[in-house]
Amino acid sequence: DSLAFPQSVVQYLRGEIGVPPGGFPEPLRTKVLKGRGLEPVEGRPGASLKDYDFEAAEKKLKATYGETNINFKDVLSNALYPDVFVDWKAFESVYGEVGRLPTHLFLNPMKEGDEVELEQGVGRKFLIKLLSKGQVKEDGTRVVVFEVNGERWFMPVTDNSLQSEGSKREKAKGPGTVGSPMPGVIVKMNVKVGDSVKEGESVASLSAMKMESNIPATATGKVTRILVNIGDKVESDDLLMEISEE
C-alpha cells in the first residue's frame, strides 16, 4: 500500500490512459489506489474530461511568457503535460533554445580543446571551441573560455559539483545589499562589478512561480560584489550583489 511508485505508474493503475488488454493486475491496483485515497477511472478517460478552453489557455500563457514565445504546439503541450511544460519553460529561460544542439553535445559537456560547428539558421553558422575552464574560486564560480568564430568569450559559471550539501549563500542584510525576493532561478544579469546604478533600476531577473521578475537596486551607487550567475538557484533573501555609495 505504501510502496513508492512513480506518478505515471499510479496514473496508469488508476485508468487515466485507458484499460489495458486483460484488465489491471489485481490486487495490486486496488491496494495502490486505496493507499493513496484515489478512485479508479471507469470507462474511457476522455469521456469524463471537461471541455478545455484552448483560447483562454493561449492568452494566459502569452501573458506569462510573452506573445512571441508561445505557439499552438506550446498550448497543446501545456494542456497535456502542465507540470513538465512549466519546468521546460523555466529551463528555456535560463539556457535558451537548445533544440538545434546535437544530441551528444546536449548530453555530454565539451572538454578542453573540443570544437563543434553549430548551424542556427540559413547562413548562421558558429564554430565554437572550448579553450579552458578556470580554477574554482572561493565563491564556487569559475570562468569558462570559449572561442566563437575566432572571438573569445569569457563566461562565469557556478560549479555546483563542488558545493557541499550543507553550503548556504550569504543572506542580504543591511543597506546596499540586494537579495532574492523569493526562491527561483537567475535568468538575467543586467550589471557587472563596477557599474553605477540608481535605486529602483533593474539589476537582474528571476524566474519563479511561472513568472519572470525584475530585481531592483536597493540603493544608488556602484556595484562592488556579485555573488550569482545566470542559471543559479537561489532562496529567499539570498545575497545577489552589494552596492556601495560612490
C-alpha atoms as a PDB file:
ATOM      1  CA  ASP A   1       0.000   0.000   0.000  1.00  0.00           C
ATOM      2  CA  SER A   2       2.790   2.418   0.895  1.00  0.00           C
ATOM      3  CA  LEU A   3       5.401   1.267  -1.631  1.00  0.00           C
ATOM      4  CA  ALA A   4       6.729   4.219  -3.658  1.00  0.00           C
ATOM      5  CA  PHE A   5       5.604   4.224  -7.288  1.00  0.00           C
ATOM      6  CA  PRO A   6       6.304   6.823 -10.000  1.00  0.00           C
ATOM      7  CA  GLN A   7       3.343   9.121 -10.571  1.00  0.00           C
ATOM      8  CA  SER A   8       2.998   7.785 -14.112  1.00  0.00           C
ATOM      9  CA  VAL A   9       2.508   4.235 -12.760  1.00  0.00           C
ATOM     10  CA  VAL A  10      -0.154   5.416 -10.299  1.00  0.00           C
ATOM     11  CA  GLN A  11      -1.977   7.231 -13.111  1.00  0.00           C
ATOM     12  CA  TYR A  12      -1.792   4.097 -15.264  1.00  0.00           C
ATOM     13  CA  LEU A  13      -3.249   1.926 -12.492  1.00  0.00           C
ATOM     14  CA  ARG A  14      -5.980   4.496 -11.894  1.00  0.00           C
ATOM     15  CA  GLY A  15      -7.011   4.152 -15.524  1.00  0.00           C
ATOM     16  CA  GLU A  16      -6.121   7.635 -16.715  1.00  0.00           C
ATOM     17  CA  ILE A  17      -4.796   6.327 -20.052  1.00  0.00           C
ATOM     18  CA  GLY A  18      -7.386   3.621 -20.537  1.00  0.00           C
ATOM     19  CA  VAL A  19      -7.829  -0.046 -19.704  1.00  0.00           C
ATOM     20  CA  PRO A  20      -5.049  -2.425 -20.816  1.00  0.00           C
ATOM     21  CA  PRO A  21      -5.890  -5.694 -22.637  1.00  0.00           C
ATOM     22  CA  GLY A  22      -6.807  -8.255 -19.996  1.00  0.00           C
ATOM     23  CA  GLY A  23      -7.535  -5.607 -17.372  1.00  0.00           C
ATOM     24  CA  PHE A  24      -5.439  -4.299 -14.489  1.00  0.00           C
ATOM     25  CA  PRO A  25      -3.285  -6.502 -12.231  1.00  0.00           C
ATOM     26  CA  GLU A  26      -5.155  -7.244  -9.023  1.00  0.00           C
ATOM     27  CA  PRO A  27      -4.924  -6.934  -6.090  1.00  0.00           C
ATOM     28  CA  LEU A  28      -2.035  -4.567  -6.895  1.00  0.00           C
ATOM     29  CA  ARG A  29      -4.245  -1.923  -8.448  1.00  0.00           C
ATOM     30  CA  THR A  30      -6.754  -1.858  -5.597  1.00  0.00           C
ATOM     31  CA  LYS A  31      -4.032  -1.635  -2.936  1.00  0.00           C
ATOM     32  CA  VAL A  32      -2.137   1.157  -4.735  1.00  0.00           C
ATOM     33  CA  LEU A  33      -5.262   3.271  -5.178  1.00  0.00           C
ATOM     34  CA  LYS A  34      -6.570   2.604  -1.671  1.00  0.00           C
ATOM     35  CA  GLY A  35      -3.244   3.519  -0.104  1.00  0.00           C
ATOM     36  CA  ARG A  36      -3.385   6.891  -1.859  1.00  0.00           C
ATOM     37  CA  GLY A  37      -7.071   7.608  -1.397  1.00  0.00           C
ATOM     38  CA  LEU A  38      -7.767   7.502  -5.144  1.00  0.00           C
ATOM     39  CA  GLU A  39     -10.848   6.312  -7.008  1.00  0.00           C
ATOM     40  CA  PRO A  40     -10.421   4.377 -10.275  1.00  0.00           C
ATOM     41  CA  VAL A  41     -11.431   5.944 -13.576  1.00  0.00           C
ATOM     42  CA  GLU A  42     -14.219   3.886 -15.094  1.00  0.00           C
ATOM     43  CA  GLY A  43     -14.575   3.560 -18.865  1.00  0.00           C
ATOM     44  CA  ARG A  44     -12.820   5.722 -21.448  1.00  0.00           C
ATOM     45  CA  PRO A  45     -10.897   8.533 -19.659  1.00  0.00           C
ATOM     46  CA  GLY A  46     -11.639  11.092 -22.344  1.00  0.00           C
ATOM     47  CA  ALA A  47     -15.388  10.667 -21.908  1.00  0.00           C
ATOM     48  CA  SER A  48     -15.319  12.234 -18.444  1.00  0.00           C
ATOM     49  CA  LEU A  49     -12.880  15.052 -19.221  1.00  0.00           C
ATOM     50  CA  LYS A  50     -14.176  18.599 -19.017  1.00  0.00           C
ATOM     51  CA  ASP A  51     -14.002  20.822 -22.101  1.00  0.00           C
ATOM     52  CA  TYR A  52     -10.649  22.581 -22.442  1.00  0.00           C
ATOM     53  CA  ASP A  53     -10.589  26.270 -23.433  1.00  0.00           C
ATOM     54  CA  PHE A  54      -7.551  26.499 -25.719  1.00  0.00           C
ATOM     55  CA  GLU A  55      -8.084  30.208 -26.429  1.00  0.00           C
ATOM     56  CA  ALA A  56      -8.126  31.116 -22.745  1.00  0.00           C
ATOM     57  CA  ALA A  57      -5.072  28.922 -22.138  1.00  0.00           C
ATOM     58  CA  GLU A  58      -3.210  30.603 -25.001  1.00  0.00           C
ATOM     59  CA  LYS A  59      -3.945  34.080 -23.637  1.00  0.00           C
ATOM     60  CA  LYS A  60      -2.766  33.064 -20.169  1.00  0.00           C
ATOM     61  CA  LEU A  61       0.460  31.522 -21.492  1.00  0.00           C
ATOM     62  CA  LYS A  62       1.237  34.564 -23.657  1.00  0.00           C
ATOM     63  CA  ALA A  63       0.652  36.850 -20.676  1.00  0.00           C
ATOM     64  CA  THR A  64       3.119  34.746 -18.670  1.00  0.00           C
ATOM     65  CA  TYR A  65       5.826  34.001 -21.235  1.00  0.00           C
ATOM     66  CA  GLY A  66       5.357  36.707 -23.885  1.00  0.00           C
ATOM     67  CA  GLU A  67       3.419  36.970 -27.142  1.00  0.00           C
ATOM     68  CA  THR A  68       6.258  35.745 -29.354  1.00  0.00           C
ATOM     69  CA  ASN A  69       7.258  32.821 -27.127  1.00  0.00           C
ATOM     70  CA  ILE A  70       4.038  30.795 -27.355  1.00  0.00           C
ATOM     71  CA  ASN A  71       2.597  28.913 -30.340  1.00  0.00           C
ATOM     72  CA  PHE A  72      -0.184  26.332 -30.645  1.00  0.00           C
ATOM     73  CA  LYS A  73       2.272  23.495 -30.038  1.00  0.00           C
ATOM     74  CA  ASP A  74       3.137  25.092 -26.686  1.00  0.00           C
ATOM     75  CA  VAL A  75      -0.557  25.440 -25.788  1.00  0.00           C
ATOM     76  CA  LEU A  76      -1.127  21.765 -26.580  1.00  0.00           C
ATOM     77  CA  SER A  77       1.964  20.714 -24.604  1.00  0.00           C
ATOM     78  CA  ASN A  78       0.748  22.695 -21.602  1.00  0.00           C
ATOM     79  CA  ALA A  79      -2.695  21.073 -21.835  1.00  0.00           C
ATOM     80  CA  LEU A  80      -1.235  17.547 -21.939  1.00  0.00           C
ATOM     81  CA  TYR A  81       1.718  17.935 -19.549  1.00  0.00           C
ATOM     82  CA  PRO A  82       1.255  21.135 -17.485  1.00  0.00           C
ATOM     83  CA  ASP A  83       3.953  20.448 -14.866  1.00  0.00           C
ATOM     84  CA  VAL A  84       6.508  19.306 -17.449  1.00  0.00           C
ATOM     85  CA  PHE A  85       5.762  22.362 -19.598  1.00  0.00           C
ATOM     86  CA  VAL A  86       6.366  24.773 -16.695  1.00  0.00           C
ATOM     87  CA  ASP A  87       9.674  23.040 -15.902  1.00  0.00           C
ATOM     88  CA  TRP A  88      10.669  23.235 -19.567  1.00  0.00           C
ATOM     89  CA  LYS A  89       9.933  26.969 -19.829  1.00  0.00           C
ATOM     90  CA  ALA A  90      11.997  27.571 -16.680  1.00  0.00           C
ATOM     91  CA  PHE A  91      14.866  25.610 -18.256  1.00  0.00           C
ATOM     92  CA  GLU A  92      14.466  27.504 -21.539  1.00  0.00           C
ATOM     93  CA  SER A  93      14.514  30.887 -19.767  1.00  0.00           C
ATOM     94  CA  VAL A  94      17.979  30.029 -18.427  1.00  0.00           C
ATOM     95  CA  TYR A  95      19.603  28.094 -21.291  1.00  0.00           C
ATOM     96  CA  GLY A  96      17.668  29.419 -24.307  1.00  0.00           C
ATOM     97  CA  GLU A  97      16.841  27.439 -27.445  1.00  0.00           C
ATOM     98  CA  VAL A  98      18.675  24.123 -27.279  1.00  0.00           C
ATOM     99  CA  GLY A  99      16.690  22.254 -29.927  1.00  0.00           C
ATOM    100  CA  ARG A 100      19.387  22.764 -32.559  1.00  0.00           C
ATOM    101  CA  LEU A 101      22.161  21.282 -30.429  1.00  0.00           C
ATOM    102  CA  PRO A 102      23.415  17.843 -31.499  1.00  0.00           C
ATOM    103  CA  THR A 103      22.259  15.173 -29.031  1.00  0.00           C
ATOM    104  CA  HIS A 104      25.790  14.221 -27.993  1.00  0.00           C
ATOM    105  CA  LEU A 105      26.616  17.852 -27.224  1.00  0.00           C
ATOM    106  CA  PHE A 106      23.444  18.319 -25.179  1.00  0.00           C
ATOM    107  CA  LEU A 107      24.056  15.189 -23.114  1.00  0.00           C
ATOM    108  CA  ASN A 108      27.833  15.387 -22.720  1.00  0.00           C
ATOM    109  CA  PRO A 109      29.740  18.558 -21.782  1.00  0.00           C
ATOM    110  CA  MET A 110      32.579  19.700 -24.011  1.00  0.00           C
ATOM    111  CA  LYS A 111      36.163  19.059 -22.949  1.00  0.00           C
ATOM    112  CA  GLU A 112      39.031  21.500 -23.275  1.00  0.00           C
ATOM    113  CA  GLY A 113      40.133  21.567 -26.894  1.00  0.00           C
ATOM    114  CA  ASP A 114      36.810  20.239 -28.261  1.00  0.00           C
ATOM    115  CA  GLU A 115      35.463  22.065 -31.298  1.00  0.00           C
ATOM    116  CA  VAL A 116      31.972  21.969 -32.783  1.00  0.00           C
ATOM    117  CA  GLU A 117      30.148  23.698 -35.643  1.00  0.00           C
ATOM    118  CA  LEU A 118      26.546  24.759 -34.990  1.00  0.00           C
ATOM    119  CA  GLU A 119      24.044  25.970 -37.565  1.00  0.00           C
ATOM    120  CA  GLN A 120      21.384  28.249 -36.100  1.00  0.00           C
ATOM    121  CA  GLY A 121      19.638  29.058 -39.361  1.00  0.00           C
ATOM    122  CA  VAL A 122      20.290  29.787 -43.010  1.00  0.00           C
ATOM    123  CA  GLY A 123      23.707  31.441 -43.260  1.00  0.00           C
ATOM    124  CA  ARG A 124      24.209  31.443 -39.474  1.00  0.00           C
ATOM    125  CA  LYS A 125      26.999  29.032 -38.606  1.00  0.00           C
ATOM    126  CA  PHE A 126      29.153  29.198 -35.497  1.00  0.00           C
ATOM    127  CA  LEU A 127      32.471  27.462 -34.941  1.00  0.00           C
ATOM    128  CA  ILE A 128      32.811  27.025 -31.176  1.00  0.00           C
ATOM    129  CA  LYS A 129      35.874  25.782 -29.331  1.00  0.00           C
ATOM    130  CA  LEU A 130      36.258  25.267 -25.590  1.00  0.00           C
ATOM    131  CA  LEU A 131      39.636  26.749 -24.700  1.00  0.00           C
ATOM    132  CA  SER A 132      39.810  26.411 -20.932  1.00  0.00           C
ATOM    133  CA  LYS A 133      37.937  26.001 -17.670  1.00  0.00           C
ATOM    134  CA  GLY A 134      39.383  28.255 -14.996  1.00  0.00           C
ATOM    135  CA  GLN A 135      40.081  27.300 -11.425  1.00  0.00           C
ATOM    136  CA  VAL A 136      37.184  27.328  -8.970  1.00  0.00           C
ATOM    137  CA  LYS A 137      37.146  30.499  -6.861  1.00  0.00           C
ATOM    138  CA  GLU A 138      36.230  30.774  -3.202  1.00  0.00           C
ATOM    139  CA  ASP A 139      32.644  31.704  -4.117  1.00  0.00           C
ATOM    140  CA  GLY A 140      32.239  28.473  -6.126  1.00  0.00           C
ATOM    141  CA  THR A 141      32.458  30.075  -9.581  1.00  0.00           C
ATOM    142  CA  ARG A 142      34.884  29.535 -12.423  1.00  0.00           C
ATOM    143  CA  VAL A 143      35.418  31.306 -15.747  1.00  0.00           C
ATOM    144  CA  VAL A 144      34.952  29.159 -18.863  1.00  0.00           C
ATOM    145  CA  VAL A 145      36.663  30.478 -22.003  1.00  0.00           C
ATOM    146  CA  PHE A 146      35.188  29.749 -25.442  1.00  0.00           C
ATOM    147  CA  GLU A 147      36.260  30.814 -28.906  1.00  0.00           C
ATOM    148  CA  VAL A 148      33.262  31.647 -31.116  1.00  0.00           C
ATOM    149  CA  ASN A 149      34.160  32.273 -34.766  1.00  0.00           C
ATOM    150  CA  GLY A 150      37.610  33.367 -33.651  1.00  0.00           C
ATOM    151  CA  GLU A 151      36.370  35.696 -30.891  1.00  0.00           C
ATOM    152  CA  ARG A 152      36.988  34.805 -27.259  1.00  0.00           C
ATOM    153  CA  TRP A 153      34.058  34.656 -24.853  1.00  0.00           C
ATOM    154  CA  PHE A 154      34.557  34.591 -21.087  1.00  0.00           C
ATOM    155  CA  MET A 155      31.600  33.003 -19.290  1.00  0.00           C
ATOM    156  CA  PRO A 156      31.412  32.938 -15.456  1.00  0.00           C
ATOM    157  CA  VAL A 157      29.511  29.876 -14.206  1.00  0.00           C
ATOM    158  CA  THR A 158      28.779  28.350 -10.825  1.00  0.00           C
ATOM    159  CA  ASP A 159      30.307  24.901 -10.356  1.00  0.00           C
ATOM    160  CA  ASN A 160      27.579  23.107  -8.397  1.00  0.00           C
ATOM    161  CA  SER A 161      29.546  19.854  -8.354  1.00  0.00           C
ATOM    162  CA  LEU A 162      31.977  21.288  -5.837  1.00  0.00           C
ATOM    163  CA  GLN A 163      29.432  22.807  -3.485  1.00  0.00           C
ATOM    164  CA  SER A 164      28.911  20.854  -0.276  1.00  0.00           C
ATOM    165  CA  GLU A 165      25.410  19.716   0.560  1.00  0.00           C
ATOM    166  CA  GLY A 166      25.286  21.959   3.584  1.00  0.00           C
ATOM    167  CA  SER A 167      26.643  25.057   1.865  1.00  0.00           C
ATOM    168  CA  LYS A 168      24.421  28.106   2.008  1.00  0.00           C
ATOM    169  CA  ARG A 169      24.579  31.504   0.370  1.00  0.00           C
ATOM    170  CA  GLU A 170      25.040  34.705   2.294  1.00  0.00           C
ATOM    171  CA  LYS A 171      21.833  36.475   3.199  1.00  0.00           C
ATOM    172  CA  ALA A 172      21.044  40.051   2.257  1.00  0.00           C
ATOM    173  CA  LYS A 173      21.032  42.334   5.272  1.00  0.00           C
ATOM    174  CA  GLY A 174      21.867  45.950   5.727  1.00  0.00           C
ATOM    175  CA  PRO A 175      21.864  48.898   3.320  1.00  0.00           C
ATOM    176  CA  GLY A 176      23.206  48.363  -0.181  1.00  0.00           C
ATOM    177  CA  THR A 177      22.562  44.628  -0.267  1.00  0.00           C
ATOM    178  CA  VAL A 178      20.327  43.163  -2.984  1.00  0.00           C
ATOM    179  CA  GLY A 179      18.569  39.942  -2.051  1.00  0.00           C
ATOM    180  CA  SER A 180      16.332  37.490  -3.864  1.00  0.00           C
ATOM    181  CA  PRO A 181      12.649  38.294  -3.209  1.00  0.00           C
ATOM    182  CA  MET A 182      11.666  34.599  -3.454  1.00  0.00           C
ATOM    183  CA  PRO A 183      13.074  31.172  -4.393  1.00  0.00           C
ATOM    184  CA  GLY A 184      13.825  30.864  -8.103  1.00  0.00           C
ATOM    185  CA  VAL A 185      16.458  30.790 -10.836  1.00  0.00           C
ATOM    186  CA  ILE A 186      18.540  33.747 -12.005  1.00  0.00           C
ATOM    187  CA  VAL A 187      17.831  34.183 -15.733  1.00  0.00           C
ATOM    188  CA  LYS A 188      19.386  37.567 -16.474  1.00  0.00           C
ATOM    189  CA  MET A 189      22.136  39.814 -15.100  1.00  0.00           C
ATOM    190  CA  ASN A 190      21.920  43.457 -16.154  1.00  0.00           C
ATOM    191  CA  VAL A 191      25.030  44.752 -14.395  1.00  0.00           C
ATOM    192  CA  LYS A 192      28.622  43.807 -13.609  1.00  0.00           C
ATOM    193  CA  VAL A 193      31.060  44.755 -10.892  1.00  0.00           C
ATOM    194  CA  GLY A 194      31.998  48.424 -11.237  1.00  0.00           C
ATOM    195  CA  ASP A 195      28.749  49.542 -12.876  1.00  0.00           C
ATOM    196  CA  SER A 196      26.898  52.540 -11.458  1.00  0.00           C
ATOM    197  CA  VAL A 197      23.211  52.033 -10.711  1.00  0.00           C
ATOM    198  CA  LYS A 198      20.291  54.058  -9.424  1.00  0.00           C
ATOM    199  CA  GLU A 199      17.886  52.906  -6.737  1.00  0.00           C
ATOM    200  CA  GLY A 200      14.992  51.048  -8.350  1.00  0.00           C
ATOM    201  CA  GLU A 201      16.915  50.199 -11.528  1.00  0.00           C
ATOM    202  CA  SER A 202      16.596  46.558 -12.629  1.00  0.00           C
ATOM    203  CA  VAL A 203      19.872  44.767 -11.903  1.00  0.00           C
ATOM    204  CA  ALA A 204      18.802  41.153 -12.506  1.00  0.00           C
ATOM    205  CA  SER A 205      15.829  38.949 -13.387  1.00  0.00           C
ATOM    206  CA  LEU A 206      14.485  35.952 -11.514  1.00  0.00           C
ATOM    207  CA  SER A 207      12.307  33.143 -12.865  1.00  0.00           C
ATOM    208  CA  ALA A 208       9.909  31.972 -10.162  1.00  0.00           C
ATOM    209  CA  MET A 209       6.314  30.796  -9.863  1.00  0.00           C
ATOM    210  CA  LYS A 210       5.914  30.639 -13.658  1.00  0.00           C
ATOM    211  CA  MET A 211       6.881  34.328 -13.994  1.00  0.00           C
ATOM    212  CA  GLU A 212       9.995  36.378 -14.634  1.00  0.00           C
ATOM    213  CA  SER A 213      10.510  39.150 -12.094  1.00  0.00           C
ATOM    214  CA  ASN A 214      12.865  42.116 -12.209  1.00  0.00           C
ATOM    215  CA  ILE A 215      15.056  42.630  -9.156  1.00  0.00           C
ATOM    216  CA  PRO A 216      15.647  46.341  -8.399  1.00  0.00           C
ATOM    217  CA  ALA A 217      18.718  48.013  -6.968  1.00  0.00           C
ATOM    218  CA  THR A 218      18.191  48.829  -3.305  1.00  0.00           C
ATOM    219  CA  ALA A 219      20.471  51.876  -3.366  1.00  0.00           C
ATOM    220  CA  THR A 220      22.210  54.323  -5.670  1.00  0.00           C
ATOM    221  CA  GLY A 221      25.920  53.695  -6.098  1.00  0.00           C
ATOM    222  CA  LYS A 222      28.475  51.317  -7.593  1.00  0.00           C
ATOM    223  CA  VAL A 223      28.180  47.533  -7.759  1.00  0.00           C
ATOM    224  CA  THR A 224      31.062  46.143  -5.691  1.00  0.00           C
ATOM    225  CA  ARG A 225      30.197  42.428  -5.426  1.00  0.00           C
ATOM    226  CA  ILE A 226      28.145  39.967  -7.471  1.00  0.00           C
ATOM    227  CA  LEU A 227      27.606  36.538  -5.963  1.00  0.00           C
ATOM    228  CA  VAL A 228      25.430  34.802  -8.584  1.00  0.00           C
ATOM    229  CA  ASN A 229      25.498  33.860 -12.250  1.00  0.00           C
ATOM    230  CA  ILE A 230      22.791  33.123 -14.788  1.00  0.00           C
ATOM    231  CA  GLY A 231      21.310  29.700 -14.059  1.00  0.00           C
ATOM    232  CA  ASP A 232      21.943  29.780 -10.307  1.00  0.00           C
ATOM    233  CA  LYS A 233      19.160  28.642  -7.990  1.00  0.00           C
ATOM    234  CA  VAL A 234      18.537  30.979  -5.078  1.00  0.00           C
ATOM    235  CA  GLU A 235      16.342  31.061  -1.989  1.00  0.00           C
ATOM    236  CA  SER A 236      14.504  33.967  -0.401  1.00  0.00           C
ATOM    237  CA  ASP A 237      16.834  36.727   0.852  1.00  0.00           C
ATOM    238  CA  ASP A 238      19.948  35.121  -0.672  1.00  0.00           C
ATOM    239  CA  LEU A 239      22.517  37.853  -1.310  1.00  0.00           C
ATOM    240  CA  LEU A 240      22.821  38.550  -5.032  1.00  0.00           C
ATOM    241  CA  MET A 241      25.045  41.641  -5.022  1.00  0.00           C
ATOM    242  CA  GLU A 242      26.236  44.589  -2.982  1.00  0.00           C
ATOM    243  CA  ILE A 243      26.082  48.287  -3.866  1.00  0.00           C
ATOM    244  CA  SER A 244      28.308  50.903  -2.248  1.00  0.00           C
ATOM    245  CA  GLU A 245      27.991  54.685  -2.341  1.00  0.00           C
ATOM    246  CA  GLU A 246      30.235  56.311  -4.947  1.00  0.00           C
END
